[in-house]
């Protein structure tokens, strides 16, 4: 498709999936901004719109604290007037009630999401006697990271006109200026809010190390536009007659080890280093 200055590039909302051109005149005559002051974005809409921005922002955090939580033994409603929770937040038997430190607000998490995020096998006494009396226990977050982005007043006004969006489980979640939108690193399978105070006390900033998929996505097209090279050097190699482990020893200490199988090739690099090339890749 030919494109000219002033044309519009468009993708279907909210799914995307294809890209096409709309000429400027037909666009201005047949399209208008879609904005509803009472619209609450779905989880899919929010994830579609924000996931790229969070990934590009490269602001990665890791959970650094434990959390007070308890299993709901029956259906109920969180009392916002007492705990500072979202108004009339219902929960069901089997869900987990979580205390959001440090302000003490409470939220609800499904058992599946909780077991993915926290270590259910190990718990400690709650962080206060009051919480212990209510049945709360302290759980450790599983190793994991998130991407996070701080929402501005303009972000809230433009994308969350009601100050809410839907969670993956279908409940509404409130967002305010200064709150963070977060997605798991590296999967990015869902988006959820984190209060600014919670992020500051419960998370630590972590170095961004791109995944193989992220690196390939960013560099594959660029590399394909560059020059093509053909390897001309000869290589010392031998066929492994049996299974084994290739070790790299520095100063008498094993730094890396690589298992190989019978039929793989063991190669010697230009600096004398050894590495394995599977037979299927030879």
Protein backbone atom coordinates (compact mmCIF):
# COMPACT_ATOMS: atom_id res chain seq x y z
CA UNK A 1 0.00 0.00 0.00
CA UNK A 2 1.35 3.42 -0.92
CA UNK A 3 1.49 6.05 1.82
CA UNK A 4 1.79 9.81 1.55
CA UNK A 5 2.27 12.69 3.95
CA UNK A 6 -0.96 13.32 5.87
CA UNK A 7 -2.26 9.74 5.54
CA UNK A 8 -3.31 7.91 8.69
CA UNK A 9 -1.90 4.55 9.78
CA UNK A 10 -4.54 2.52 11.62
CA UNK A 11 -4.90 -0.73 13.57
CA UNK A 12 -8.20 -2.24 14.84
CA UNK A 13 -9.11 -1.36 18.43
CA UNK A 14 -8.38 -3.02 20.81
CA UNK A 15 -6.98 -6.18 19.21
CA UNK A 16 -4.57 -4.79 16.63
CA UNK A 17 -3.36 -7.65 14.45
CA UNK A 18 -3.07 -5.72 11.18
CA UNK A 19 -1.94 -2.33 9.94
CA UNK A 20 -3.45 -0.36 7.08
CA UNK A 21 -3.62 3.14 5.58
CA UNK A 22 -6.54 5.57 5.52
CA UNK A 23 -6.31 8.65 3.32
CA UNK A 24 -6.56 11.97 5.17
CA UNK A 25 -9.80 13.20 3.57
CA UNK A 26 -11.85 9.99 4.05
CA UNK A 27 -10.53 9.74 7.60
CA UNK A 28 -11.58 13.24 8.62
CA UNK A 29 -14.97 12.77 6.98
CA UNK A 30 -15.84 9.36 8.44
CA UNK A 31 -14.02 9.08 11.81
CA UNK A 32 -14.29 10.94 15.10
CA UNK A 33 -12.42 10.49 18.42
CA UNK A 34 -14.04 7.77 20.50
CA UNK A 35 -14.22 8.98 24.08
CA UNK A 36 -16.79 8.19 26.71
CA UNK A 37 -16.57 9.88 30.07
CA UNK A 38 -18.13 6.84 31.74
CA UNK A 39 -15.98 4.21 30.01
CA UNK A 40 -14.13 1.67 32.20
CA UNK A 41 -11.41 0.00 30.08
CA UNK A 42 -11.35 -3.79 30.02
CA UNK A 43 -8.26 -5.76 31.02
CA UNK A 44 -7.61 -6.49 27.32
CA UNK A 45 -7.91 -2.81 26.35
CA UNK A 46 -5.61 -1.69 29.15
CA UNK A 47 -3.04 -4.39 28.46
CA UNK A 48 -3.09 -3.71 24.71
CA UNK A 49 -2.63 0.02 25.16
CA UNK A 50 -0.04 0.02 27.96
CA UNK A 51 2.07 -3.12 27.55
CA UNK A 52 4.31 -1.65 24.85
CA UNK A 53 4.83 1.56 26.81
CA UNK A 54 5.78 -0.35 29.97
CA UNK A 55 8.21 -2.56 28.08
CA UNK A 56 9.80 0.37 26.23
CA UNK A 57 10.07 2.32 29.48
CA UNK A 58 12.33 -0.47 30.83
CA UNK A 59 11.62 0.40 34.44
CA UNK A 60 12.03 -2.98 36.14
CA UNK A 61 11.41 -3.69 39.84
CA UNK A 62 11.66 -6.77 42.02
CA UNK A 63 9.51 -7.51 45.07
CA UNK A 64 11.56 -7.03 48.22
CA UNK A 65 9.10 -7.53 51.09
CA UNK A 66 6.71 -10.06 52.54
CA UNK A 67 2.94 -9.58 52.65
CA UNK A 68 0.18 -10.18 55.19
CA UNK A 69 -2.62 -12.32 53.74
CA UNK A 70 -5.34 -14.72 54.81
CA UNK A 71 -7.65 -17.19 53.10
CA UNK A 72 -11.32 -16.15 53.10
CA UNK A 73 -13.35 -18.91 54.78
CA UNK A 74 -16.66 -17.49 53.56
CA UNK A 75 -18.07 -14.84 51.22
CA UNK A 76 -17.92 -11.27 52.44
CA UNK A 77 -17.30 -7.57 51.76
CA UNK A 78 -14.24 -5.52 52.71
CA UNK A 79 -15.12 -2.66 55.02
CA UNK A 80 -13.71 0.45 53.33
CA UNK A 81 -14.49 2.69 56.30
CA UNK A 82 -12.27 0.60 58.57
CA UNK A 83 -9.48 -0.60 56.33
CA UNK A 84 -9.23 2.04 53.62
CA UNK A 85 -10.11 -0.49 50.95
CA UNK A 86 -12.00 0.09 47.74
CA UNK A 87 -15.72 0.71 48.44
CA UNK A 88 -17.88 -2.40 48.68
CA UNK A 89 -15.16 -4.78 47.52
CA UNK A 90 -16.71 -8.24 47.57
CA UNK A 91 -14.74 -11.44 48.01
CA UNK A 92 -15.63 -15.11 47.87
CA UNK A 93 -14.72 -18.12 49.96
CA UNK A 94 -11.30 -19.41 48.86
CA UNK A 95 -9.94 -16.03 47.74
CA UNK A 96 -7.09 -14.30 49.56
CA UNK A 97 -7.44 -11.00 51.41
CA UNK A 98 -4.21 -9.00 51.29
CA UNK A 99 -3.11 -6.08 53.46
CA UNK A 100 -1.48 -3.43 51.29
CA UNK A 101 1.30 -1.98 53.39
CA UNK A 102 2.15 0.60 54.49
CA UNK A 103 -1.23 2.36 54.50
CA UNK A 104 -3.12 -0.78 55.45
CA UNK A 105 -5.64 -0.81 52.61
CA UNK A 106 -6.93 -4.22 51.60
CA UNK A 107 -7.51 -5.97 48.32
CA UNK A 108 -8.61 -9.38 47.09
CA UNK A 109 -6.61 -11.88 45.01
CA UNK A 110 -7.75 -15.11 43.42
CA UNK A 111 -6.15 -18.33 44.75
CA UNK A 112 -4.54 -18.97 41.35
CA UNK A 113 -2.94 -15.52 41.19
CA UNK A 114 -1.86 -15.71 44.83
CA UNK A 115 -0.20 -19.11 44.44
CA UNK A 116 1.64 -17.83 41.36
CA UNK A 117 2.96 -14.79 43.22
CA UNK A 118 3.53 -16.05 46.78
CA UNK A 119 5.01 -19.12 48.44
CA UNK A 120 2.06 -20.87 50.07
CA UNK A 121 4.23 -23.61 51.57
CA UNK A 122 6.05 -21.23 53.92
CA UNK A 123 4.37 -18.67 56.19
CA UNK A 124 5.34 -16.68 59.27
CA UNK A 125 3.37 -14.92 62.02
CA UNK A 126 1.67 -11.71 60.89
CA UNK A 127 3.59 -8.45 61.22
CA UNK A 128 1.32 -7.21 64.03
CA UNK A 129 -0.73 -8.76 66.83
CA UNK A 130 -3.89 -7.14 65.43
CA UNK A 131 -3.46 -8.82 62.07
CA UNK A 132 -2.55 -12.11 63.73
CA UNK A 133 -5.82 -11.95 65.71
CA UNK A 134 -7.69 -11.56 62.41
CA UNK A 135 -6.05 -14.70 61.01
CA UNK A 136 -3.45 -13.08 58.78
CA UNK A 137 -0.05 -14.65 58.14
CA UNK A 138 3.09 -13.34 56.49
CA UNK A 139 3.96 -14.79 53.06
CA UNK A 140 7.10 -14.37 51.01
CA UNK A 141 6.87 -13.26 47.41
CA UNK A 142 8.26 -15.73 44.89
CA UNK A 143 11.28 -14.54 42.94
CA UNK A 144 9.99 -12.32 40.17
CA UNK A 145 10.06 -8.89 38.61
CA UNK A 146 7.66 -6.37 37.12
CA UNK A 147 7.68 -3.53 34.65
CA UNK A 148 6.11 -0.41 36.18
CA UNK A 149 5.07 3.03 34.94
CA UNK A 150 3.90 6.01 37.01
CA UNK A 151 0.58 7.45 35.80
CA UNK A 152 0.30 11.21 35.32
CA UNK A 153 -2.83 13.32 35.71
CA UNK A 154 -3.09 13.45 31.90
CA UNK A 155 -2.86 9.65 31.71
CA UNK A 156 -5.76 9.29 34.14
CA UNK A 157 -7.88 11.92 32.39
CA UNK A 158 -7.28 10.48 28.91
CA UNK A 159 -7.27 6.72 29.47
CA UNK A 160 -9.10 6.16 32.77
CA UNK A 161 -11.91 8.77 32.84
CA UNK A 162 -13.69 6.98 35.71
CA UNK A 163 -10.41 6.26 37.49
CA UNK A 164 -10.89 2.51 37.10
CA UNK A 165 -10.21 -0.44 34.81
CA UNK A 166 -11.11 -4.12 34.95
CA UNK A 167 -8.79 -6.77 36.37
CA UNK A 168 -8.13 -10.15 34.78
CA UNK A 169 -10.73 -11.69 37.10
CA UNK A 170 -13.37 -9.10 36.09
CA UNK A 171 -13.40 -6.87 39.19
CA UNK A 172 -12.73 -3.12 38.96
CA UNK A 173 -9.45 -1.61 40.13
CA UNK A 174 -8.98 2.05 41.04
CA UNK A 175 -6.10 4.19 39.75
CA UNK A 176 -5.06 7.71 40.73
CA UNK A 177 -2.35 10.13 39.69
CA UNK A 178 1.01 8.81 40.91
CA UNK A 179 -0.11 5.18 41.00
CA UNK A 180 1.90 2.70 38.96
CA UNK A 181 0.66 0.40 36.25
CA UNK A 182 2.55 -2.89 36.39
CA UNK A 183 2.92 -6.02 34.27
CA UNK A 184 4.92 -9.17 35.17
CA UNK A 185 8.44 -9.37 33.78
CA UNK A 186 8.99 -10.86 31.25
CA UNK A 187 5.59 -12.42 30.41
CA UNK A 188 3.44 -9.27 30.61
CA UNK A 189 0.29 -11.40 30.74
CA UNK A 190 -1.78 -8.95 32.81
CA UNK A 191 -1.81 -5.35 34.00
CA UNK A 192 -2.63 -4.14 37.50
CA UNK A 193 -2.13 -1.00 39.65
CA UNK A 194 0.32 -0.52 42.52
CA UNK A 195 0.12 2.43 44.90
CA UNK A 196 3.13 4.76 44.86
CA UNK A 197 3.79 4.21 48.58
CA UNK A 198 3.58 0.44 48.15
CA UNK A 199 6.07 0.45 45.27
CA UNK A 200 8.47 2.61 47.26
CA UNK A 201 8.45 0.32 50.31
CA UNK A 202 7.78 -3.14 48.88
CA UNK A 203 9.84 -3.06 45.65
CA UNK A 204 13.45 -2.38 44.74
CA UNK A 205 14.61 -1.01 41.42
CA UNK A 206 16.35 -3.69 39.35
CA UNK A 207 18.61 -3.62 36.32
CA UNK A 208 16.88 -4.21 33.01
CA UNK A 209 18.32 -7.29 31.30
CA UNK A 210 16.49 -7.91 28.02
CA UNK A 211 15.16 -11.37 27.33
CA UNK A 212 16.10 -13.30 24.18
CA UNK A 213 12.66 -12.53 22.73
CA UNK A 214 12.94 -8.79 23.47
CA UNK A 215 16.45 -8.60 21.99
CA UNK A 216 15.40 -10.51 18.88
CA UNK A 217 12.32 -8.33 18.44
CA UNK A 218 14.37 -5.13 18.68
CA UNK A 219 17.37 -6.15 16.58
CA UNK A 220 16.27 -8.79 14.06
CA UNK A 221 14.97 -6.34 11.43
CA UNK A 222 17.99 -4.04 11.85
CA UNK A 223 20.44 -6.91 11.46
CA UNK A 224 18.69 -8.22 8.36
CA UNK A 225 19.20 -4.83 6.71
CA UNK A 226 22.95 -4.95 7.40
CA UNK A 227 25.70 -6.78 5.50
CA UNK A 228 25.76 -10.57 5.32
CA UNK A 229 28.89 -12.39 6.46
CA UNK A 230 30.11 -15.92 5.77
CA UNK A 231 32.34 -17.70 8.27
CA UNK A 232 35.66 -18.64 6.62
CA UNK A 233 37.86 -19.70 9.55
CA UNK A 234 38.56 -23.36 10.20
CA UNK A 235 37.56 -24.87 13.52
CA UNK A 236 39.00 -27.61 15.71
CA UNK A 237 36.20 -29.97 16.71
CA UNK A 238 35.56 -33.51 17.83
CA UNK A 239 32.53 -35.74 18.03
CA UNK A 240 31.51 -36.67 21.59
CA UNK A 241 31.60 -40.46 21.94
CA UNK A 242 29.49 -40.36 25.12
CA UNK A 243 27.49 -38.00 27.33
CA UNK A 244 29.44 -35.59 29.52
CA UNK A 245 29.85 -32.09 30.95
CA UNK A 246 32.06 -29.35 29.54
CA UNK A 247 33.45 -27.13 32.31
CA UNK A 248 35.11 -23.72 32.16
CA UNK A 249 37.69 -23.46 34.97
CA UNK A 250 39.19 -20.08 35.95
CA UNK A 251 41.74 -19.98 38.75
CA UNK A 252 40.81 -23.46 39.84
CA UNK A 253 37.12 -22.54 40.13
CA UNK A 254 34.42 -23.88 37.81
CA UNK A 255 32.66 -20.81 36.38
CA UNK A 256 30.34 -22.47 33.87
CA UNK A 257 29.32 -25.99 32.91
CA UNK A 258 27.53 -27.24 29.83
CA UNK A 259 26.12 -30.75 29.46
CA UNK A 260 26.55 -32.46 26.12
CA UNK A 261 25.23 -35.69 24.66
CA UNK A 262 26.79 -38.44 22.62
CA UNK A 263 26.91 -37.24 19.02
CA UNK A 264 27.29 -33.53 19.88
CA UNK A 265 30.38 -31.66 18.70
CA UNK A 266 32.91 -30.13 21.12
CA UNK A 267 34.61 -27.13 19.52
CA UNK A 268 37.70 -25.10 20.38
CA UNK A 269 37.52 -21.33 20.02
CA UNK A 270 40.24 -18.99 18.78
CA UNK A 271 41.28 -18.23 22.37
CA UNK A 272 41.30 -21.87 23.37
CA UNK A 273 37.85 -21.82 25.01
CA UNK A 274 35.63 -24.85 24.53
CA UNK A 275 31.93 -24.94 23.75
CA UNK A 276 29.30 -27.37 22.57
CA UNK A 277 27.42 -27.43 19.29
CA UNK A 278 24.52 -29.88 19.24
CA UNK A 279 24.67 -32.38 16.39
CA UNK A 280 21.33 -31.14 15.09
CA UNK A 281 22.83 -27.66 14.61
CA UNK A 282 26.12 -28.77 13.09
